[in-house]
Protein backbone atom coordinates (compact mmCIF):
# COMPACT_ATOMS: atom_id res chain seq x y z
CA MET A 1 107.47 244.82 117.44
CA GLY A 2 104.82 243.06 119.51
CA LEU A 3 103.09 243.52 122.82
CA VAL A 4 105.22 246.47 123.92
CA SER A 5 104.27 248.42 120.80
CA TYR A 6 100.58 247.49 121.19
CA GLU A 7 100.61 248.67 124.79
CA SER A 8 102.34 251.91 123.81
CA VAL A 9 99.73 252.60 121.12
CA MET A 10 96.92 252.02 123.61
CA LYS A 11 98.63 254.45 126.00
CA ARG A 12 98.91 257.04 123.22
CA VAL A 13 95.22 256.59 122.39
CA SER A 14 94.29 257.04 126.04
CA ASP A 15 96.48 260.14 126.42
CA ALA A 16 95.14 261.70 123.21
CA ALA A 17 91.56 261.09 124.33
CA MET A 18 92.23 262.61 127.74
CA ARG A 19 93.83 265.71 126.21
CA SER A 20 90.75 266.10 124.00
CA GLY A 21 88.32 265.74 126.89
CA ARG A 22 87.05 262.45 125.49
CA ASP A 23 86.61 258.99 126.97
CA THR A 24 88.83 256.26 125.52
CA SER A 25 85.73 254.06 125.19
CA GLU A 26 84.52 256.41 122.42
CA ILE A 27 87.42 255.36 120.19
CA THR A 28 87.82 252.01 118.43
CA LEU A 29 91.36 251.05 117.53
CA VAL A 30 91.47 248.86 114.43
CA ALA A 31 94.78 246.97 114.41
CA VAL A 32 95.54 246.80 110.69
CA SER A 33 97.11 243.38 110.22
CA LYS A 34 97.64 243.29 106.45
CA THR A 35 100.62 241.09 105.49
CA LYS A 36 100.89 239.86 109.09
CA SER A 37 100.66 236.20 110.05
CA ALA A 38 97.98 234.58 112.17
CA GLU A 39 100.62 234.14 114.89
CA GLU A 40 101.37 237.86 114.94
CA ILE A 41 97.66 238.67 115.13
CA ILE A 42 97.13 236.18 117.96
CA ARG A 43 99.75 237.93 120.10
CA VAL A 44 97.68 241.13 119.97
CA TYR A 45 94.41 239.19 120.34
CA GLU A 46 95.71 237.64 123.56
CA GLU A 47 96.08 241.14 124.99
CA GLY A 48 92.30 241.42 124.72
CA HIS A 49 92.12 243.18 121.37
CA ARG A 50 89.31 242.18 119.02
CA ASP A 51 89.15 244.71 116.14
CA PHE A 52 91.49 243.92 113.25
CA GLY A 53 91.68 245.35 109.74
CA GLU A 54 92.56 243.79 106.38
CA ASN A 55 92.74 245.38 102.94
CA ARG A 56 92.82 242.41 100.54
CA ALA A 57 89.94 240.02 100.04
CA GLN A 58 91.97 236.85 99.60
CA GLU A 59 94.24 237.61 102.53
CA LEU A 60 91.21 238.07 104.80
CA ALA A 61 89.64 234.86 103.49
CA THR A 62 92.86 232.95 104.20
CA LYS A 63 93.45 234.30 107.70
CA ALA A 64 89.96 234.45 109.19
CA PRO A 65 89.42 230.65 109.44
CA LEU A 66 92.73 230.33 111.32
CA LEU A 67 91.77 232.82 114.01
CA PRO A 68 89.14 233.04 116.79
CA ASP A 69 85.53 233.60 115.81
CA ASP A 70 85.09 236.63 118.07
CA ILE A 71 87.49 238.79 116.08
CA ARG A 72 85.70 241.74 114.48
CA TRP A 73 87.14 242.07 110.99
CA HIS A 74 87.17 245.54 109.43
CA PHE A 75 87.78 245.66 105.68
CA VAL A 76 89.72 248.87 105.07
CA GLY A 77 91.03 248.58 101.51
CA SER A 78 89.58 249.23 98.08
CA LEU A 79 87.17 246.45 97.17
CA GLN A 80 86.28 245.20 93.71
CA SER A 81 82.58 244.47 93.31
CA ASN A 82 83.28 240.87 92.29
CA LYS A 83 85.13 240.26 95.58
CA THR A 84 82.21 241.19 97.83
CA ARG A 85 81.10 237.56 98.05
CA VAL A 86 84.44 236.79 99.74
CA VAL A 87 84.55 239.77 102.10
CA ARG A 88 80.89 240.20 103.02
CA PRO A 89 80.44 237.02 105.13
CA LEU A 90 83.54 237.82 107.20
CA SER A 91 83.15 241.56 107.79
CA HIS A 92 82.05 243.39 110.89
CA LEU A 93 82.32 246.74 109.08
CA LEU A 94 83.28 247.79 105.55
CA HIS A 95 85.21 251.08 105.68
CA SER A 96 85.67 251.56 101.93
CA MET A 97 82.17 251.79 100.44
CA ASP A 98 82.64 254.37 97.70
CA ARG A 99 80.34 253.83 94.71
CA ARG A 100 76.92 252.62 93.61
CA SER A 101 78.15 249.46 91.86
CA LEU A 102 79.87 248.30 95.05
CA ALA A 103 76.76 249.06 97.10
CA SER A 104 74.62 247.04 94.69
CA ALA A 105 76.99 244.08 95.05
CA TRP A 106 77.23 244.43 98.84
CA VAL A 107 73.48 244.09 99.41
CA LYS A 108 73.39 240.76 97.56
CA GLY A 109 73.65 237.57 99.56
CA PRO A 110 71.96 235.90 102.52
CA GLY A 111 70.85 237.94 105.51
CA MET A 112 71.43 241.59 106.22
CA PRO A 113 74.63 243.02 104.72
CA PRO A 114 77.23 244.19 107.27
CA PRO A 115 77.18 247.94 107.92
CA VAL A 116 79.41 250.26 105.93
CA LEU A 117 81.21 253.58 106.06
CA LEU A 118 81.20 255.84 103.03
CA GLN A 119 84.76 256.57 101.97
CA VAL A 120 85.18 260.22 100.98
CA ASN A 121 88.02 261.53 98.82
CA VAL A 122 88.71 264.55 101.02
CA GLY A 123 91.89 265.48 99.14
CA ASP A 124 90.21 265.29 95.72
CA GLU A 125 93.02 262.99 94.55
CA GLY A 126 92.43 261.48 91.14
CA GLN A 127 94.31 258.26 91.90
CA LYS A 128 92.52 257.60 95.20
CA SER A 129 89.21 255.85 95.87
CA GLY A 130 86.35 257.64 97.55
CA ALA A 131 83.22 259.56 96.82
CA ASP A 132 83.39 263.24 95.96
CA VAL A 133 82.57 265.51 98.89
CA GLU A 134 79.70 267.08 96.92
CA GLU A 135 77.97 263.76 96.30
CA THR A 136 78.23 262.42 99.85
CA ALA A 137 74.71 263.29 100.96
CA SER A 138 73.01 261.96 97.83
CA LEU A 139 75.05 258.74 97.89
CA ILE A 140 74.15 258.09 101.51
CA GLU A 141 70.47 258.62 100.73
CA TRP A 142 70.67 256.27 97.74
CA MET A 143 72.57 253.58 99.63
CA THR A 144 70.22 253.76 102.60
CA GLY A 145 67.30 253.34 100.21
CA LEU A 146 69.02 250.29 98.79
CA GLY A 147 69.01 248.69 102.23
CA LEU A 148 72.50 249.47 103.49
CA GLU A 149 73.25 250.58 107.03
CA VAL A 150 75.61 253.50 106.51
CA LYS A 151 77.14 254.22 109.92
CA GLY A 152 79.50 257.04 109.09
CA LEU A 153 82.35 258.34 106.95
CA MET A 154 85.94 257.26 106.29
CA ALA A 155 88.84 259.12 104.72
CA ILE A 156 92.50 258.63 103.83
CA PRO A 157 93.97 262.14 103.53
CA PRO A 158 96.84 262.93 101.18
CA ILE A 159 100.18 261.63 102.52
CA PRO A 160 101.39 264.50 104.71
CA ASP A 161 104.90 265.93 105.02
CA GLN A 162 104.11 266.43 108.69
CA PRO A 163 101.29 264.79 110.70
CA GLU A 164 99.80 268.23 111.43
CA ALA A 165 99.04 268.62 107.70
CA SER A 166 96.31 265.97 108.05
CA ARG A 167 94.32 268.07 110.52
CA ARG A 168 92.44 270.15 107.98
CA PHE A 169 91.21 266.99 106.23
CA PHE A 170 90.05 265.51 109.53
CA VAL A 171 88.17 268.74 110.26
CA MET A 172 86.67 268.60 106.76
CA LEU A 173 85.41 265.05 107.30
CA ARG A 174 83.98 265.85 110.74
CA GLU A 175 82.14 268.91 109.44
CA LEU A 176 80.83 266.89 106.48
CA ARG A 177 79.61 264.19 108.87
CA ASP A 178 77.84 266.80 110.97
CA ARG A 179 76.07 268.21 107.90
CA VAL A 180 74.86 264.89 106.51
CA ALA A 181 73.82 263.70 109.98
CA VAL A 182 71.14 266.40 110.08
CA GLN A 183 69.13 264.36 107.56
CA ASN A 184 70.67 260.98 108.49
CA PRO A 185 71.08 260.71 112.29
CA SER A 186 72.61 257.23 111.94
CA ILE A 187 75.74 258.79 110.40
CA VAL A 188 77.89 258.96 113.53
CA GLU A 189 81.21 257.18 112.94
CA LEU A 190 84.39 258.88 111.73
CA SER A 191 87.10 256.46 110.58
CA MET A 192 90.23 258.58 110.22
CA GLY A 193 93.80 258.62 111.43
CA MET A 194 96.60 256.10 110.99
CA THR A 195 100.02 255.45 112.53
CA ASP A 196 101.50 258.89 111.85
CA ASP A 197 98.52 261.08 112.68
CA PHE A 198 95.98 259.18 114.79
CA GLU A 199 96.43 261.44 117.83
CA ILE A 200 95.47 264.46 115.72
CA ALA A 201 92.50 262.51 114.35
CA ILE A 202 91.33 261.76 117.90
CA ARG A 203 91.57 265.46 118.71
CA GLU A 204 89.35 266.21 115.70
CA GLY A 205 86.69 263.65 116.58
CA ALA A 206 87.74 260.26 115.17
CA SER A 207 85.67 257.42 116.55
CA ILE A 208 87.70 254.76 114.69
CA ILE A 209 91.45 254.87 114.02
CA ARG A 210 93.30 252.42 111.77
CA VAL A 211 96.80 251.66 113.03
CA GLY A 212 99.11 249.05 111.56
CA ARG A 213 102.80 249.93 111.55
CA ALA A 214 102.89 251.28 115.11
CA ILE A 215 101.54 247.95 116.37
CA PHE A 216 102.95 245.33 114.00
CA GLY A 217 105.98 247.06 112.47
CA SER A 218 106.61 247.45 108.76
CA ARG A 219 104.74 245.26 106.28
CA ASN A 220 106.11 241.78 105.74
C-alpha cells in the first residue's frame, strides 16, 4: 500500500461528499495507523495529512515522540481509566469516551482536558464498548458538568455482511445527535464509517471517518 492508496481514499471521500451535496472540507479523515511504523505514517504525513488514529495507549506513547509535533492524534480504541495519564497529553480528540469512571479520570491532570466524543453502542452489543442509546443525553449532561468538552458522538456498528447494512446504524447515530443537540448545541461531530463503509457514512452525515486498511493495508 502507500501513497497510491491514500490518494485513492481521498478521491473516494471527495466523490462521496460531492454525491451527497457536501463539501469535502466538512469531513475529517482519520488515518488509523495502529500497528504501523513511524516510517509508514511519515509517508502519509508527507502528502499533507495530519489526522492519525491509534487505539492502544502504549503504542501511541511510543510513536508520538518519533513523529512531527503537528500531527493531530485521535485515540479511537477502548481506553482503561488508568491509561488516561498516557493518552491525555498526546490526544487531539478522544473518540471512545463511554462511561463516568473514564470521564472522571480524563478530567484529571494539568490544563484543560482534550475534547471527547461519546461512544454509543448503537447495535446494543454486549461485548462492545459504548454508552446505551437511552443514557446518551444524561451522560452528556453529566460529563459537561464535570468540565469535559463533548463535541459529538462516535459509533462502531455491528460488523456488516454488506456495507449497506451499516446505514441504519449511521442514521440512528445522526438522529440521536440531532436530538441531544437541541439541549447541547456543541454536539456537532459524528465519527462513523471505516474502510468498508465510509462512503455510506458520509452520505448519512459523518463529519469524521476512521480509515486504516484502505490506506495502510492489513495490520502488521
